[in-house]
C-alpha atoms as a PDB file:
ATOM      1  CA  MET A   1      25.582-157.601  30.781  1.00  0.00           C
ATOM      2  CA  ILE A   2      23.657-159.215  33.704  1.00  0.00           C
ATOM      3  CA  VAL A   3      25.622-160.554  36.579  1.00  0.00           C
ATOM      4  CA  LEU A   4      24.664-162.176  39.323  1.00  0.00           C
ATOM      5  CA  LEU A   5      26.574-161.998  42.616  1.00  0.00           C
ATOM      6  CA  LEU A   6      26.675-165.193  45.082  1.00  0.00           C
ATOM      7  CA  GLY A   7      27.938-165.845  48.475  1.00  0.00           C
ATOM      8  CA  PRO A   8      26.923-166.162  52.061  1.00  0.00           C
ATOM      9  CA  PRO A   9      25.666-163.464  54.210  1.00  0.00           C
ATOM     10  CA  GLY A  10      28.602-161.485  55.373  1.00  0.00           C
ATOM     11  CA  SER A  11      30.852-162.182  52.114  1.00  0.00           C
ATOM     12  CA  GLY A  12      30.094-158.496  50.991  1.00  0.00           C
ATOM     13  CA  LYS A  13      27.823-158.769  48.295  1.00  0.00           C
ATOM     14  CA  GLY A  14      25.807-155.227  48.741  1.00  0.00           C
ATOM     15  CA  THR A  15      29.327-153.630  48.908  1.00  0.00           C
ATOM     16  CA  GLN A  16      30.663-155.257  45.705  1.00  0.00           C
ATOM     17  CA  GLY A  17      27.315-154.861  44.138  1.00  0.00           C
ATOM     18  CA  ARG A  18      26.575-151.583  44.355  1.00  0.00           C
ATOM     19  CA  ARG A  19      30.369-150.956  43.219  1.00  0.00           C
ATOM     20  CA  LEU A  20      29.642-152.873  40.361  1.00  0.00           C
ATOM     21  CA  SER A  21      26.438-151.198  39.347  1.00  0.00           C
ATOM     22  CA  GLN A  22      28.241-147.545  39.525  1.00  0.00           C
ATOM     23  CA  ARG A  23      31.100-148.966  37.477  1.00  0.00           C
ATOM     24  CA  PHE A  24      29.273-150.337  34.505  1.00  0.00           C
ATOM     25  CA  HIS A  25      26.400-148.042  34.826  1.00  0.00           C
ATOM     26  CA  ILE A  26      23.711-150.801  35.270  1.00  0.00           C
ATOM     27  CA  PRO A  27      20.985-151.142  38.304  1.00  0.00           C
ATOM     28  CA  TYR A  28      21.542-152.873  41.375  1.00  0.00           C
ATOM     29  CA  LEU A  29      18.704-155.141  42.596  1.00  0.00           C
ATOM     30  CA  ALA A  30      19.495-156.653  46.061  1.00  0.00           C
ATOM     31  CA  SER A  31      16.503-159.132  47.137  1.00  0.00           C
ATOM     32  CA  GLY A  32      17.208-158.477  50.855  1.00  0.00           C
ATOM     33  CA  ASP A  33      16.755-154.752  50.267  1.00  0.00           C
ATOM     34  CA  LEU A  34      13.271-155.351  48.385  1.00  0.00           C
ATOM     35  CA  LEU A  35      12.162-157.789  50.791  1.00  0.00           C
ATOM     36  CA  ARG A  36      12.957-155.270  53.722  1.00  0.00           C
ATOM     37  CA  ARG A  37      11.365-152.301  52.396  1.00  0.00           C
ATOM     38  CA  ALA A  38       8.330-154.032  51.534  1.00  0.00           C
ATOM     39  CA  ILE A  39       8.190-155.168  55.553  1.00  0.00           C
ATOM     40  CA  GLU A  40       8.773-151.481  56.305  1.00  0.00           C
ATOM     41  CA  GLN A  41       5.839-150.327  54.470  1.00  0.00           C
ATOM     42  CA  ASP A  42       3.904-152.869  55.294  1.00  0.00           C
ATOM     43  CA  SER A  43       2.578-153.946  51.959  1.00  0.00           C
ATOM     44  CA  LEU A  44       0.725-156.956  51.686  1.00  0.00           C
ATOM     45  CA  PHE A  45       3.675-158.594  50.256  1.00  0.00           C
ATOM     46  CA  GLY A  46       5.888-157.424  53.110  1.00  0.00           C
ATOM     47  CA  ARG A  47       3.340-158.812  55.380  1.00  0.00           C
ATOM     48  CA  GLU A  48       3.678-162.093  53.768  1.00  0.00           C
ATOM     49  CA  VAL A  49       7.715-162.560  53.461  1.00  0.00           C
ATOM     50  CA  ARG A  50       7.994-161.048  57.141  1.00  0.00           C
ATOM     51  CA  GLN A  51       7.396-164.525  58.698  1.00  0.00           C
ATOM     52  CA  TYR A  52       9.815-166.183  56.601  1.00  0.00           C
ATOM     53  CA  ILE A  53      12.582-163.294  57.279  1.00  0.00           C
ATOM     54  CA  GLU A  54      12.253-163.018  60.762  1.00  0.00           C
ATOM     55  CA  ARG A  55      12.805-166.835  61.104  1.00  0.00           C
ATOM     56  CA  GLY A  56      15.959-166.764  58.976  1.00  0.00           C
ATOM     57  CA  LEU A  57      14.331-168.643  56.603  1.00  0.00           C
ATOM     58  CA  TYR A  58      14.353-168.157  52.484  1.00  0.00           C
ATOM     59  CA  VAL A  59      10.820-166.537  50.904  1.00  0.00           C
ATOM     60  CA  PRO A  60       9.445-169.081  48.911  1.00  0.00           C
ATOM     61  CA  ASP A  61       9.895-169.182  44.992  1.00  0.00           C
ATOM     62  CA  LYS A  62       5.845-168.680  44.392  1.00  0.00           C
ATOM     63  CA  ILE A  63       6.295-165.347  46.331  1.00  0.00           C
ATOM     64  CA  MET A  64       9.461-164.444  45.552  1.00  0.00           C
ATOM     65  CA  VAL A  65      10.359-165.130  42.028  1.00  0.00           C
ATOM     66  CA  PRO A  66       7.671-162.713  40.728  1.00  0.00           C
ATOM     67  CA  ALA A  67       8.380-159.909  42.823  1.00  0.00           C
ATOM     68  CA  ALA A  68      12.199-160.137  42.028  1.00  0.00           C
ATOM     69  CA  ILE A  69      11.750-160.462  38.186  1.00  0.00           C
ATOM     70  CA  GLU A  70       8.849-157.532  38.179  1.00  0.00           C
ATOM     71  CA  GLU A  71      11.713-155.215  40.378  1.00  0.00           C
ATOM     72  CA  LEU A  72      14.312-156.183  37.753  1.00  0.00           C
ATOM     73  CA  ASN A  73      12.040-154.820  35.017  1.00  0.00           C
ATOM     74  CA  LYS A  74      11.315-152.004  36.695  1.00  0.00           C
ATOM     75  CA  LEU A  75      14.953-150.778  37.450  1.00  0.00           C
ATOM     76  CA  ARG A  76      16.232-151.482  33.541  1.00  0.00           C
ATOM     77  CA  ARG A  77      13.290-149.794  32.218  1.00  0.00           C
ATOM     78  CA  GLU A  78      13.804-146.397  34.659  1.00  0.00           C
ATOM     79  CA  GLN A  79      17.719-146.777  33.642  1.00  0.00           C
ATOM     80  CA  GLY A  80      17.111-147.687  30.067  1.00  0.00           C
ATOM     81  CA  VAL A  81      19.344-150.560  30.148  1.00  0.00           C
ATOM     82  CA  ARG A  82      19.314-154.151  29.643  1.00  0.00           C
ATOM     83  CA  GLY A  83      22.157-154.903  31.886  1.00  0.00           C
ATOM     84  CA  ALA A  84      21.578-155.381  35.938  1.00  0.00           C
ATOM     85  CA  VAL A  85      23.792-156.684  38.852  1.00  0.00           C
ATOM     86  CA  LEU A  86      21.785-159.129  41.054  1.00  0.00           C
ATOM     87  CA  ASP A  87      22.455-159.953  44.645  1.00  0.00           C
ATOM     88  CA  GLY A  88      20.473-162.507  46.481  1.00  0.00           C
ATOM     89  CA  PHE A  89      18.137-163.593  43.478  1.00  0.00           C
ATOM     90  CA  PRO A  90      18.075-166.234  42.060  1.00  0.00           C
ATOM     91  CA  ARG A  91      19.197-168.186  45.320  1.00  0.00           C
ATOM     92  CA  THR A  92      17.880-171.464  44.222  1.00  0.00           C
ATOM     93  CA  ARG A  93      18.192-173.812  41.159  1.00  0.00           C
ATOM     94  CA  ASP A  94      14.311-173.445  40.748  1.00  0.00           C
ATOM     95  CA  GLN A  95      14.548-169.757  40.681  1.00  0.00           C
ATOM     96  CA  ALA A  96      17.472-169.535  38.269  1.00  0.00           C
ATOM     97  CA  GLU A  97      15.603-171.614  35.684  1.00  0.00           C
ATOM     98  CA  ALA A  98      12.561-169.186  36.229  1.00  0.00           C
ATOM     99  CA  LEU A  99      14.774-166.041  35.754  1.00  0.00           C
ATOM    100  CA  ASP A 100      16.618-167.554  32.831  1.00  0.00           C
ATOM    101  CA  SER A 101      13.165-168.579  30.961  1.00  0.00           C
ATOM    102  CA  ALA A 102      12.133-164.817  31.563  1.00  0.00           C
ATOM    103  CA  LEU A 103      15.260-163.287  30.348  1.00  0.00           C
ATOM    104  CA  THR A 104      15.214-165.736  27.334  1.00  0.00           C
ATOM    105  CA  ALA A 105      12.043-164.314  25.991  1.00  0.00           C
ATOM    106  CA  GLU A 106      13.383-161.064  25.513  1.00  0.00           C
ATOM    107  CA  GLY A 107      16.969-162.533  24.148  1.00  0.00           C
ATOM    108  CA  THR A 108      18.988-161.923  27.327  1.00  0.00           C
ATOM    109  CA  ARG A 109      20.401-164.345  30.061  1.00  0.00           C
ATOM    110  CA  VAL A 110      22.859-164.098  33.259  1.00  0.00           C
ATOM    111  CA  ASP A 111      26.094-163.841  31.815  1.00  0.00           C
ATOM    112  CA  ARG A 112      27.918-164.592  34.685  1.00  0.00           C
ATOM    113  CA  ALA A 113      27.673-165.990  38.325  1.00  0.00           C
ATOM    114  CA  LEU A 114      30.388-164.701  40.258  1.00  0.00           C
ATOM    115  CA  LEU A 115      30.828-166.361  43.745  1.00  0.00           C
ATOM    116  CA  LEU A 116      32.644-164.772  46.444  1.00  0.00           C
ATOM    117  CA  ASN A 117      34.137-167.593  48.566  1.00  0.00           C
ATOM    118  CA  VAL A 118      34.614-166.848  52.535  1.00  0.00           C
ATOM    119  CA  PRO A 119      34.919-169.360  55.350  1.00  0.00           C
ATOM    120  CA  ARG A 120      32.149-169.827  57.485  1.00  0.00           C
ATOM    121  CA  GLU A 121      34.613-168.697  60.564  1.00  0.00           C
ATOM    122  CA  VAL A 122      34.998-165.110  58.989  1.00  0.00           C
ATOM    123  CA  LEU A 123      31.637-164.937  58.298  1.00  0.00           C
ATOM    124  CA  ILE A 124      29.942-165.299  61.608  1.00  0.00           C
ATOM    125  CA  PRO A 125      31.967-162.358  63.557  1.00  0.00           C
ATOM    126  CA  ARG A 126      31.112-160.349  60.168  1.00  0.00           C
ATOM    127  CA  LEU A 127      27.444-160.480  60.604  1.00  0.00           C
ATOM    128  CA  ALA A 128      27.285-160.569  64.076  1.00  0.00           C
ATOM    129  CA  GLY A 129      28.983-157.116  64.036  1.00  0.00           C
ATOM    130  CA  ARG A 130      27.542-155.643  61.044  1.00  0.00           C
ATOM    131  CA  ARG A 131      25.175-152.637  60.986  1.00  0.00           C
ATOM    132  CA  VAL A 132      23.505-150.822  58.579  1.00  0.00           C
ATOM    133  CA  CYS A 133      21.863-147.429  57.655  1.00  0.00           C
ATOM    134  CA  ARG A 134      17.908-147.806  57.489  1.00  0.00           C
ATOM    135  CA  SER A 135      17.691-145.522  54.882  1.00  0.00           C
ATOM    136  CA  CYS A 136      20.572-145.915  52.389  1.00  0.00           C
ATOM    137  CA  ASN A 137      22.242-149.240  53.324  1.00  0.00           C
ATOM    138  CA  ALA A 138      25.515-147.946  54.165  1.00  0.00           C
ATOM    139  CA  SER A 139      27.517-150.762  56.083  1.00  0.00           C
ATOM    140  CA  TYR A 140      29.111-150.357  59.366  1.00  0.00           C
ATOM    141  CA  HIS A 141      30.715-152.687  61.535  1.00  0.00           C
ATOM    142  CA  ILE A 142      31.363-152.581  65.412  1.00  0.00           C
ATOM    143  CA  ASP A 143      34.981-153.639  65.394  1.00  0.00           C
ATOM    144  CA  HIS A 144      36.742-152.462  62.038  1.00  0.00           C
ATOM    145  CA  LYS A 145      34.057-149.431  60.926  1.00  0.00           C
ATOM    146  CA  PRO A 146      32.080-148.309  63.518  1.00  0.00           C
ATOM    147  CA  PRO A 147      28.848-146.037  63.071  1.00  0.00           C
ATOM    148  CA  PRO A 148      29.065-142.461  64.245  1.00  0.00           C
ATOM    149  CA  ALA A 149      28.373-142.246  68.408  1.00  0.00           C
ATOM    150  CA  ASP A 150      25.084-140.424  67.706  1.00  0.00           C
ATOM    151  CA  GLY A 151      24.059-143.597  65.932  1.00  0.00           C
ATOM    152  CA  ARG A 152      23.141-141.675  62.383  1.00  0.00           C
ATOM    153  CA  CYS A 153      24.467-142.651  59.104  1.00  0.00           C
ATOM    154  CA  GLU A 154      27.788-140.547  58.009  1.00  0.00           C
ATOM    155  CA  VAL A 155      26.332-140.743  54.622  1.00  0.00           C
ATOM    156  CA  CYS A 156      22.696-139.580  54.730  1.00  0.00           C
ATOM    157  CA  GLY A 157      21.909-139.127  58.283  1.00  0.00           C
ATOM    158  CA  GLY A 158      19.560-141.978  58.597  1.00  0.00           C
ATOM    159  CA  GLU A 159      19.203-144.368  61.620  1.00  0.00           C
ATOM    160  CA  VAL A 160      21.864-147.344  62.204  1.00  0.00           C
ATOM    161  CA  ILE A 161      20.719-150.652  63.437  1.00  0.00           C
ATOM    162  CA  GLN A 162      21.375-154.092  63.510  1.00  0.00           C
ATOM    163  CA  ARG A 163      19.310-156.264  61.148  1.00  0.00           C
ATOM    164  CA  VAL A 164      17.011-158.660  62.947  1.00  0.00           C
ATOM    165  CA  ASP A 165      18.690-161.647  60.703  1.00  0.00           C
ATOM    166  CA  ASP A 166      22.298-160.392  61.717  1.00  0.00           C
ATOM    167  CA  LYS A 167      21.459-160.994  65.803  1.00  0.00           C
ATOM    168  CA  PRO A 168      24.086-163.824  67.028  1.00  0.00           C
ATOM    169  CA  GLU A 169      20.910-166.127  67.712  1.00  0.00           C
ATOM    170  CA  MET A 170      20.037-165.887  63.866  1.00  0.00           C
ATOM    171  CA  VAL A 171      23.399-166.140  62.051  1.00  0.00           C
ATOM    172  CA  ASP A 172      24.359-169.609  62.394  1.00  0.00           C
ATOM    173  CA  GLY A 173      21.007-170.839  61.217  1.00  0.00           C
ATOM    174  CA  ARG A 174      21.273-168.360  57.916  1.00  0.00           C
ATOM    175  CA  LEU A 175      24.628-169.858  57.132  1.00  0.00           C
ATOM    176  CA  THR A 176      23.456-173.183  57.479  1.00  0.00           C
ATOM    177  CA  VAL A 177      20.326-172.606  55.173  1.00  0.00           C
ATOM    178  CA  TYR A 178      22.779-170.594  52.700  1.00  0.00           C
ATOM    179  CA  PHE A 179      24.898-173.769  52.177  1.00  0.00           C
ATOM    180  CA  GLU A 180      22.084-176.227  52.081  1.00  0.00           C
ATOM    181  CA  ARG A 181      20.237-174.416  49.537  1.00  0.00           C
ATOM    182  CA  THR A 182      22.750-172.905  47.419  1.00  0.00           C
ATOM    183  CA  LEU A 183      24.993-175.714  45.941  1.00  0.00           C
ATOM    184  CA  PRO A 184      22.333-176.847  43.446  1.00  0.00           C
ATOM    185  CA  LEU A 185      22.330-173.397  42.284  1.00  0.00           C
ATOM    186  CA  VAL A 186      26.180-173.260  42.136  1.00  0.00           C
ATOM    187  CA  ALA A 187      26.581-176.462  40.329  1.00  0.00           C
ATOM    188  CA  TYR A 188      23.719-175.048  37.830  1.00  0.00           C
ATOM    189  CA  TYR A 189      25.901-172.103  36.589  1.00  0.00           C
ATOM    190  CA  GLN A 190      28.721-174.243  36.905  1.00  0.00           C
ATOM    191  CA  GLN A 191      27.639-176.868  34.388  1.00  0.00           C
ATOM    192  CA  GLN A 192      26.645-174.249  31.914  1.00  0.00           C
ATOM    193  CA  GLY A 193      30.320-172.457  32.431  1.00  0.00           C
ATOM    194  CA  ARG A 194      29.000-169.224  33.523  1.00  0.00           C
ATOM    195  CA  LEU A 195      30.472-169.582  37.311  1.00  0.00           C
ATOM    196  CA  VAL A 196      33.701-167.607  38.390  1.00  0.00           C
ATOM    197  CA  GLN A 197      34.864-168.155  41.692  1.00  0.00           C
ATOM    198  CA  ILE A 198      36.418-164.995  43.763  1.00  0.00           C
ATOM    199  CA  ASP A 199      38.623-165.128  47.148  1.00  0.00           C
ATOM    200  CA  GLY A 200      36.030-162.961  48.906  1.00  0.00           C
ATOM    201  CA  ASN A 201      38.463-163.100  51.961  1.00  0.00           C
ATOM    202  CA  LEU A 202      40.552-160.185  50.507  1.00  0.00           C
ATOM    203  CA  SER A 203      40.608-156.632  51.167  1.00  0.00           C
ATOM    204  CA  GLU A 204      37.526-154.711  49.772  1.00  0.00           C
ATOM    205  CA  SER A 205      39.606-153.155  47.158  1.00  0.00           C
ATOM    206  CA  ASP A 206      41.037-156.442  46.084  1.00  0.00           C
ATOM    207  CA  VAL A 207      37.616-158.491  46.052  1.00  0.00           C
ATOM    208  CA  THR A 208      36.508-155.332  44.032  1.00  0.00           C
ATOM    209  CA  GLY A 209      39.391-156.014  41.615  1.00  0.00           C
ATOM    210  CA  SER A 210      38.815-159.419  40.976  1.00  0.00           C
ATOM    211  CA  LEU A 211      35.061-158.765  40.372  1.00  0.00           C
ATOM    212  CA  VAL A 212      35.370-155.899  37.902  1.00  0.00           C
ATOM    213  CA  GLY A 213      37.922-157.884  35.827  1.00  0.00           C
ATOM    214  CA  ALA A 214      35.416-160.836  35.443  1.00  0.00           C
ATOM    215  CA  ALA A 215      32.791-158.473  34.379  1.00  0.00           C
ATOM    216  CA  GLU A 216      34.913-156.568  31.792  1.00  0.00           C
ATOM    217  CA  ALA A 217      35.748-159.980  30.416  1.00  0.00           C
ATOM    218  CA  VAL A 218      31.847-160.643  30.158  1.00  0.00           C
ATOM    219  CA  ALA A 219      31.411-157.389  28.215  1.00  0.00           C
ATOM    220  CA  ALA A 220      34.562-157.683  26.024  1.00  0.00           C
ATOM    221  CA  ALA A 221      33.273-161.408  25.021  1.00  0.00           C
ATOM    222  CA  ALA A 222      29.728-159.650  24.215  1.00  0.00           C
ATOM    223  CA  ALA A 223      31.649-156.811  22.070  1.00  0.00           C
ATOM    224  CA  GLN A 224      33.413-159.553  20.145  1.00  0.00           C
ATOM    225  CA  ARG A 225      29.998-161.164  19.419  1.00  0.00           C
ATOM    226  CA  ALA A 226      28.158-158.165  18.164  1.00  0.00           C
ATOM    227  CA  PRO A 227      29.952-157.709  15.016  1.00  0.00           C
ATOM    228  CA  ALA A 228      29.989-161.269  14.114  1.00  0.00           C
ATOM    229  CA  VAL A 229      26.661-161.290  14.466  1.00  0.00           C
ATOM    230  CA  ALA A 230      26.135-157.964  12.513  1.00  0.00           C
ATOM    231  CA  SER A 231      28.324-159.653   9.557  1.00  0.00           C
ATOM    232  CA  GLU A 232      26.058-162.931   9.711  1.00  0.00           C
ATOM    233  CA  GLY A 233      23.074-160.679   9.078  1.00  0.00           C
ATOM    234  CA  ALA A 234      24.916-158.785   6.613  1.00  0.00           C
ATOM    235  CA  SER A 235      25.848-161.936   4.593  1.00  0.00           C
ATOM    236  CA  ARG A 236      22.326-163.237   5.016  1.00  0.00           C
ATOM    237  CA  GLY A 237      20.962-160.086   3.541  1.00  0.00           C
ATOM    238  CA  ALA A 238      23.357-160.442   0.526  1.00  0.00           C
ATOM    239  CA  HIS A 239      22.060-163.447  -0.308  1.00  0.00           C
ATOM    240  CA  ALA A 240      18.199-163.035   0.310  1.00  0.00           C
END
């Protein structure tokens, strides 16, 4: 099962993506984490993407697509599974088509795109007040979940920071770019019957419940298809 989390910055994809990963024992790939790690490591890839991230822009497809697909394949090989939870990739229709082509070659696909809907007026204070652990990406908020007074993460002891692209002067631009670029991507999955819309303005636990329910429906459908495929194979063998 491969599921994609869609939603604007601040919609809770990171928290929910990790929960789905743990629930279904499949890897979680967050493109934002991949990019930030590359920047911190000052790799060639990191130097390429830094100029875009620091301006709140999307990384061009010719850079992003091969890096994300390589990371996805690596994570799945390490865990010995074919499924994954994707967050932040694909972000455009062209990226979605490239990913579909790569997955089709191995007989898989993105089964569902789960869209978290959150009003823009809710997202701005969420982002501006967000703080994250530099090491484990645990999430905090200065209003309703403030980080420890010493600035160290309560999960791993790492440094809690405000991301460059979460600063107030960057937030509005990030949201504008998201809404402009994501509409064609949403339409792509909707036209194929793979889009499920989720109210992301509920409590974290309620959002998790809705996402788990949608993902379990995918798993159940896949389980129903499997016996049918096996039966067809046996029938073909009997007539061979």
